[in-house]
Amino acid sequence: QVQLAESGGGLVQPGGSLTLSCAASGSILSNDLMGWYRQAPGKQREWVVTITSGGTTDYAGSVDGRFTISRTNPKDITYLQMDSLNPKDAAVYYCFSRRVRTAEYSWGQGTQVTVSS
């Protein structure tokens, strides 16, 4: 079982920046994918970004160029640097890990990001 612990959420003004982090523990494997989803009030959970153990990244179009994900191995900590935030980015952000072979997901508890002046 994989445990994921997120931190770094909070309130930021439009145009501002915020960095989220996610620390994995338990049975995380070295080749597990990691990344982030987000969910705004009244909306479905939305995929944001994925990073492989080798550092290959894939971003949703809505955040590409503004968000940057990084990952430390073997500590399996991911960081999500979010720049040029706007109110549409406000959501609960969930860290995930995914087994490559089985596609099994594990989830963090979520961290709130609020973008408001």
N, C-alpha and C. Protein backbone atom coordinates (compact mmCIF):
# COMPACT_ATOMS: atom_id res chain seq x y z
N GLN A 1 0.84 -1.19 0.00
CA GLN A 1 0.00 0.00 0.00
C GLN A 1 0.88 1.24 0.00
N VAL A 2 0.47 2.20 -0.81
CA VAL A 2 1.22 3.45 -0.92
C VAL A 2 0.50 4.53 -0.14
N GLN A 3 1.25 5.27 0.64
CA GLN A 3 0.70 6.44 1.34
C GLN A 3 1.28 7.71 0.71
N LEU A 4 0.42 8.68 0.50
CA LEU A 4 0.82 9.94 -0.10
C LEU A 4 0.39 11.08 0.81
N ALA A 5 1.32 11.97 1.09
CA ALA A 5 1.05 13.10 1.98
C ALA A 5 1.35 14.39 1.25
N GLU A 6 0.31 15.20 1.04
CA GLU A 6 0.48 16.47 0.32
C GLU A 6 0.65 17.61 1.31
N SER A 7 1.27 18.67 0.84
CA SER A 7 1.37 19.90 1.61
C SER A 7 1.58 21.06 0.65
N GLY A 8 1.39 22.27 1.17
CA GLY A 8 1.72 23.45 0.39
C GLY A 8 0.54 24.23 -0.15
N GLY A 9 -0.68 23.75 0.06
CA GLY A 9 -1.82 24.51 -0.41
C GLY A 9 -2.03 25.78 0.38
N GLY A 10 -2.91 26.64 -0.12
CA GLY A 10 -3.21 27.88 0.59
C GLY A 10 -3.89 28.89 -0.31
N LEU A 11 -3.86 30.12 0.15
CA LEU A 11 -4.48 31.24 -0.57
C LEU A 11 -3.42 32.04 -1.30
N VAL A 12 -3.69 32.33 -2.56
CA VAL A 12 -2.76 33.12 -3.36
C VAL A 12 -3.56 34.08 -4.22
N GLN A 13 -2.99 35.22 -4.51
CA GLN A 13 -3.65 36.20 -5.37
C GLN A 13 -3.51 35.80 -6.84
N PRO A 14 -4.45 36.22 -7.67
CA PRO A 14 -4.30 35.97 -9.12
C PRO A 14 -2.96 36.47 -9.62
N GLY A 15 -2.33 35.65 -10.44
CA GLY A 15 -1.01 35.99 -10.95
C GLY A 15 0.11 35.49 -10.07
N GLY A 16 -0.23 35.00 -8.90
CA GLY A 16 0.78 34.55 -7.95
C GLY A 16 1.23 33.12 -8.19
N SER A 17 2.09 32.65 -7.29
CA SER A 17 2.67 31.31 -7.40
C SER A 17 2.50 30.54 -6.11
N LEU A 18 2.51 29.24 -6.26
CA LEU A 18 2.39 28.35 -5.10
C LEU A 18 3.08 27.05 -5.47
N THR A 19 3.69 26.40 -4.47
CA THR A 19 4.33 25.11 -4.70
C THR A 19 3.70 24.06 -3.80
N LEU A 20 3.24 22.99 -4.39
CA LEU A 20 2.71 21.85 -3.66
C LEU A 20 3.77 20.76 -3.62
N SER A 21 3.75 19.98 -2.56
CA SER A 21 4.63 18.83 -2.48
C SER A 21 3.84 17.60 -2.08
N CYS A 22 4.37 16.44 -2.46
CA CYS A 22 3.72 15.17 -2.16
C CYS A 22 4.80 14.16 -1.86
N ALA A 23 4.77 13.62 -0.67
CA ALA A 23 5.75 12.63 -0.25
C ALA A 23 5.11 11.25 -0.22
N ALA A 24 5.73 10.30 -0.91
CA ALA A 24 5.23 8.94 -0.97
C ALA A 24 5.97 8.04 0.01
N SER A 25 5.25 7.12 0.60
CA SER A 25 5.86 6.14 1.49
C SER A 25 5.12 4.82 1.34
N GLY A 26 5.59 3.79 2.02
CA GLY A 26 4.96 2.49 1.92
C GLY A 26 5.53 1.71 0.76
N SER A 27 4.67 1.06 0.00
CA SER A 27 5.12 0.16 -1.05
C SER A 27 5.26 0.83 -2.41
N ILE A 28 5.69 2.10 -2.40
CA ILE A 28 5.92 2.80 -3.67
C ILE A 28 7.06 2.09 -4.40
N LEU A 29 6.88 1.88 -5.71
CA LEU A 29 7.92 1.26 -6.51
C LEU A 29 8.66 2.33 -7.30
N SER A 30 9.89 2.02 -7.65
CA SER A 30 10.73 3.02 -8.30
C SER A 30 10.18 3.47 -9.65
N ASN A 31 9.42 2.59 -10.32
CA ASN A 31 8.91 2.98 -11.65
C ASN A 31 7.45 3.42 -11.62
N ASP A 32 6.88 3.58 -10.43
CA ASP A 32 5.50 4.09 -10.34
C ASP A 32 5.43 5.49 -10.92
N LEU A 33 4.33 5.76 -11.61
CA LEU A 33 4.07 7.12 -12.05
C LEU A 33 3.55 7.93 -10.86
N MET A 34 3.78 9.23 -10.91
CA MET A 34 3.20 10.12 -9.89
C MET A 34 2.66 11.36 -10.59
N GLY A 35 1.80 12.07 -9.92
CA GLY A 35 1.25 13.27 -10.53
C GLY A 35 0.16 13.87 -9.69
N TRP A 36 -0.65 14.71 -10.35
CA TRP A 36 -1.68 15.46 -9.65
C TRP A 36 -2.98 15.50 -10.46
N TYR A 37 -4.07 15.43 -9.74
CA TYR A 37 -5.40 15.75 -10.24
C TYR A 37 -5.90 16.93 -9.41
N ARG A 38 -6.96 17.54 -9.86
CA ARG A 38 -7.61 18.58 -9.08
C ARG A 38 -9.12 18.50 -9.25
N GLN A 39 -9.83 19.02 -8.26
CA GLN A 39 -11.28 19.02 -8.31
C GLN A 39 -11.81 20.32 -7.74
N ALA A 40 -12.49 21.07 -8.60
CA ALA A 40 -13.13 22.32 -8.18
C ALA A 40 -14.55 22.02 -7.71
N PRO A 41 -15.13 22.88 -6.90
CA PRO A 41 -16.49 22.65 -6.39
C PRO A 41 -17.49 22.45 -7.53
N GLY A 42 -18.26 21.38 -7.45
CA GLY A 42 -19.29 21.12 -8.45
C GLY A 42 -18.79 20.55 -9.75
N LYS A 43 -17.48 20.24 -9.82
CA LYS A 43 -16.91 19.72 -11.06
C LYS A 43 -16.28 18.35 -10.83
N GLN A 44 -16.07 17.64 -11.93
CA GLN A 44 -15.41 16.35 -11.83
C GLN A 44 -13.92 16.53 -11.58
N ARG A 45 -13.33 15.49 -11.02
CA ARG A 45 -11.88 15.51 -10.82
C ARG A 45 -11.20 15.58 -12.18
N GLU A 46 -10.20 16.42 -12.30
CA GLU A 46 -9.54 16.72 -13.56
C GLU A 46 -8.05 16.38 -13.46
N TRP A 47 -7.54 15.65 -14.41
CA TRP A 47 -6.12 15.34 -14.46
C TRP A 47 -5.32 16.61 -14.75
N VAL A 48 -4.20 16.77 -14.06
CA VAL A 48 -3.35 17.95 -14.23
C VAL A 48 -2.01 17.60 -14.86
N VAL A 49 -1.31 16.63 -14.27
CA VAL A 49 0.04 16.35 -14.73
C VAL A 49 0.48 14.98 -14.25
N THR A 50 1.36 14.34 -15.03
CA THR A 50 1.97 13.07 -14.67
C THR A 50 3.46 13.16 -14.90
N ILE A 51 4.23 12.49 -14.02
CA ILE A 51 5.67 12.41 -14.20
C ILE A 51 6.10 10.97 -13.99
N THR A 52 7.00 10.50 -14.85
CA THR A 52 7.53 9.15 -14.70
C THR A 52 8.75 9.18 -13.77
N SER A 53 9.22 8.00 -13.42
CA SER A 53 10.41 7.92 -12.57
C SER A 53 11.62 8.48 -13.29
N GLY A 54 11.61 8.47 -14.60
CA GLY A 54 12.72 9.02 -15.37
C GLY A 54 12.61 10.50 -15.63
N GLY A 55 11.53 11.11 -15.17
CA GLY A 55 11.38 12.55 -15.30
C GLY A 55 10.60 13.02 -16.51
N THR A 56 10.05 12.08 -17.29
CA THR A 56 9.21 12.48 -18.41
C THR A 56 7.89 13.02 -17.89
N THR A 57 7.46 14.15 -18.43
CA THR A 57 6.26 14.82 -17.93
C THR A 57 5.19 14.95 -19.01
N ASP A 58 3.97 15.06 -18.56
CA ASP A 58 2.83 15.26 -19.44
C ASP A 58 1.86 16.16 -18.71
N TYR A 59 1.49 17.28 -19.33
CA TYR A 59 0.65 18.29 -18.69
C TYR A 59 -0.69 18.43 -19.41
N ALA A 60 -1.70 18.73 -18.65
CA ALA A 60 -2.97 19.13 -19.25
C ALA A 60 -2.78 20.47 -19.95
N GLY A 61 -3.50 20.66 -21.03
CA GLY A 61 -3.34 21.89 -21.79
C GLY A 61 -3.61 23.16 -20.99
N SER A 62 -4.50 23.04 -20.02
CA SER A 62 -4.89 24.21 -19.23
C SER A 62 -3.78 24.71 -18.31
N VAL A 63 -2.78 23.88 -18.04
CA VAL A 63 -1.71 24.28 -17.12
C VAL A 63 -0.34 24.28 -17.78
N ASP A 64 -0.25 23.74 -18.99
CA ASP A 64 1.04 23.65 -19.68
C ASP A 64 1.64 25.04 -19.86
N GLY A 65 2.90 25.15 -19.46
CA GLY A 65 3.59 26.43 -19.54
C GLY A 65 3.49 27.25 -18.28
N ARG A 66 2.59 26.89 -17.38
CA ARG A 66 2.44 27.61 -16.11
C ARG A 66 2.81 26.74 -14.91
N PHE A 67 2.59 25.45 -15.01
CA PHE A 67 2.89 24.53 -13.92
C PHE A 67 4.13 23.71 -14.29
N THR A 68 4.92 23.38 -13.27
CA THR A 68 6.11 22.55 -13.49
C THR A 68 6.17 21.50 -12.40
N ILE A 69 6.25 20.25 -12.82
CA ILE A 69 6.36 19.15 -11.87
C ILE A 69 7.79 18.64 -11.86
N SER A 70 8.25 18.25 -10.69
CA SER A 70 9.55 17.62 -10.56
C SER A 70 9.42 16.47 -9.56
N ARG A 71 10.42 15.62 -9.58
CA ARG A 71 10.35 14.43 -8.73
C ARG A 71 11.74 14.07 -8.26
N THR A 72 11.87 13.72 -6.99
CA THR A 72 13.14 13.28 -6.45
C THR A 72 13.11 11.76 -6.29
N ASN A 73 14.11 11.11 -6.74
CA ASN A 73 14.26 9.67 -6.55
C ASN A 73 15.54 9.42 -5.77
N PRO A 74 15.59 8.50 -4.84
CA PRO A 74 14.53 7.53 -4.55
C PRO A 74 13.55 7.96 -3.45
N LYS A 75 13.59 9.22 -3.03
CA LYS A 75 12.69 9.60 -1.95
C LYS A 75 11.25 9.73 -2.41
N ASP A 76 11.05 9.77 -3.75
CA ASP A 76 9.70 9.80 -4.30
C ASP A 76 8.87 10.94 -3.72
N ILE A 77 9.44 12.10 -3.81
CA ILE A 77 8.72 13.32 -3.48
C ILE A 77 8.50 14.08 -4.77
N THR A 78 7.27 14.50 -5.00
CA THR A 78 7.02 15.33 -6.17
C THR A 78 6.70 16.75 -5.72
N TYR A 79 7.09 17.70 -6.54
CA TYR A 79 6.82 19.11 -6.31
C TYR A 79 6.06 19.64 -7.52
N LEU A 80 5.02 20.41 -7.26
CA LEU A 80 4.27 21.04 -8.32
C LEU A 80 4.39 22.55 -8.14
N GLN A 81 5.21 23.16 -8.99
CA GLN A 81 5.36 24.61 -8.99
C GLN A 81 4.27 25.19 -9.88
N MET A 82 3.43 26.05 -9.29
CA MET A 82 2.31 26.63 -10.03
C MET A 82 2.50 28.14 -10.13
N ASP A 83 2.63 28.62 -11.34
CA ASP A 83 2.84 30.05 -11.59
C ASP A 83 1.65 30.63 -12.36
N SER A 84 1.56 31.93 -12.35
CA SER A 84 0.50 32.64 -13.07
C SER A 84 -0.87 32.06 -12.75
N LEU A 85 -1.12 31.85 -11.49
CA LEU A 85 -2.38 31.24 -11.07
C LEU A 85 -3.55 32.18 -11.34
N ASN A 86 -4.66 31.59 -11.72
CA ASN A 86 -5.89 32.35 -11.92
C ASN A 86 -7.03 31.64 -11.18
N PRO A 87 -8.16 32.30 -11.04
CA PRO A 87 -9.25 31.71 -10.25
C PRO A 87 -9.71 30.35 -10.77
N LYS A 88 -9.51 30.07 -12.05
CA LYS A 88 -9.90 28.75 -12.58
C LYS A 88 -9.02 27.63 -12.05
N ASP A 89 -7.87 27.98 -11.48
CA ASP A 89 -6.98 26.98 -10.90
C ASP A 89 -7.38 26.60 -9.47
N ALA A 90 -8.30 27.33 -8.89
CA ALA A 90 -8.72 27.04 -7.52
C ALA A 90 -9.42 25.69 -7.46
N ALA A 91 -8.95 24.84 -6.56
CA ALA A 91 -9.47 23.49 -6.45
C ALA A 91 -8.79 22.78 -5.29
N VAL A 92 -9.27 21.59 -5.00
CA VAL A 92 -8.52 20.69 -4.13
C VAL A 92 -7.60 19.88 -5.04
N TYR A 93 -6.33 19.89 -4.74
CA TYR A 93 -5.34 19.19 -5.54
C TYR A 93 -4.98 17.87 -4.85
N TYR A 94 -5.06 16.80 -5.63
CA TYR A 94 -4.80 15.46 -5.13
C TYR A 94 -3.56 14.87 -5.80
N CYS A 95 -2.64 14.43 -4.99
CA CYS A 95 -1.48 13.71 -5.49
C CYS A 95 -1.87 12.25 -5.75
N PHE A 96 -1.29 11.67 -6.77
CA PHE A 96 -1.55 10.25 -7.03
C PHE A 96 -0.26 9.54 -7.39
N SER A 97 -0.29 8.23 -7.18
CA SER A 97 0.73 7.35 -7.74
C SER A 97 -0.01 6.26 -8.51
N ARG A 98 0.64 5.72 -9.51
CA ARG A 98 0.01 4.69 -10.33
C ARG A 98 1.02 3.63 -10.72
N ARG A 99 0.65 2.39 -10.44
CA ARG A 99 1.48 1.28 -10.86
C ARG A 99 1.50 1.20 -12.38
N VAL A 100 2.66 1.04 -12.96
CA VAL A 100 2.77 0.95 -14.40
C VAL A 100 2.11 -0.32 -14.91
N ARG A 101 2.37 -1.45 -14.24
CA ARG A 101 1.90 -2.74 -14.76
C ARG A 101 0.40 -2.94 -14.55
N THR A 102 -0.11 -2.54 -13.39
CA THR A 102 -1.51 -2.83 -13.07
C THR A 102 -2.43 -1.62 -13.18
N ALA A 103 -1.86 -0.44 -13.33
CA ALA A 103 -2.63 0.81 -13.36
C ALA A 103 -3.37 1.07 -12.06
N GLU A 104 -2.96 0.46 -10.97
CA GLU A 104 -3.58 0.71 -9.67
C GLU A 104 -3.18 2.09 -9.16
N TYR A 105 -4.18 2.85 -8.73
CA TYR A 105 -3.95 4.20 -8.22
C TYR A 105 -3.94 4.22 -6.69
N SER A 106 -3.12 5.12 -6.15
CA SER A 106 -3.20 5.50 -4.75
C SER A 106 -3.34 7.01 -4.71
N TRP A 107 -4.04 7.52 -3.68
CA TRP A 107 -4.36 8.94 -3.62
C TRP A 107 -3.97 9.55 -2.28
N GLY A 108 -3.59 10.82 -2.36
CA GLY A 108 -3.41 11.59 -1.14
C GLY A 108 -4.74 12.14 -0.67
N GLN A 109 -4.71 12.84 0.45
CA GLN A 109 -5.95 13.34 1.05
C GLN A 109 -6.42 14.66 0.43
N GLY A 110 -5.57 15.28 -0.34
CA GLY A 110 -5.92 16.53 -1.01
C GLY A 110 -5.46 17.75 -0.24
N THR A 111 -5.14 18.80 -0.98
CA THR A 111 -4.76 20.08 -0.38
C THR A 111 -5.46 21.20 -1.15
N GLN A 112 -6.01 22.14 -0.42
CA GLN A 112 -6.83 23.19 -1.01
C GLN A 112 -5.96 24.32 -1.56
N VAL A 113 -6.25 24.71 -2.79
CA VAL A 113 -5.63 25.89 -3.39
C VAL A 113 -6.73 26.89 -3.71
N THR A 114 -6.61 28.08 -3.16
CA THR A 114 -7.58 29.14 -3.37
C THR A 114 -6.89 30.31 -4.06
N VAL A 115 -7.46 30.77 -5.15
CA VAL A 115 -6.90 31.89 -5.90
C VAL A 115 -7.92 33.03 -5.86
N SER A 116 -7.59 34.05 -5.10
CA SER A 116 -8.54 35.13 -4.91
C SER A 116 -7.80 36.39 -4.48
N SER A 117 -8.35 37.53 -4.88
CA SER A 117 -7.78 38.80 -4.44
C SER A 117 -8.49 39.29 -3.18
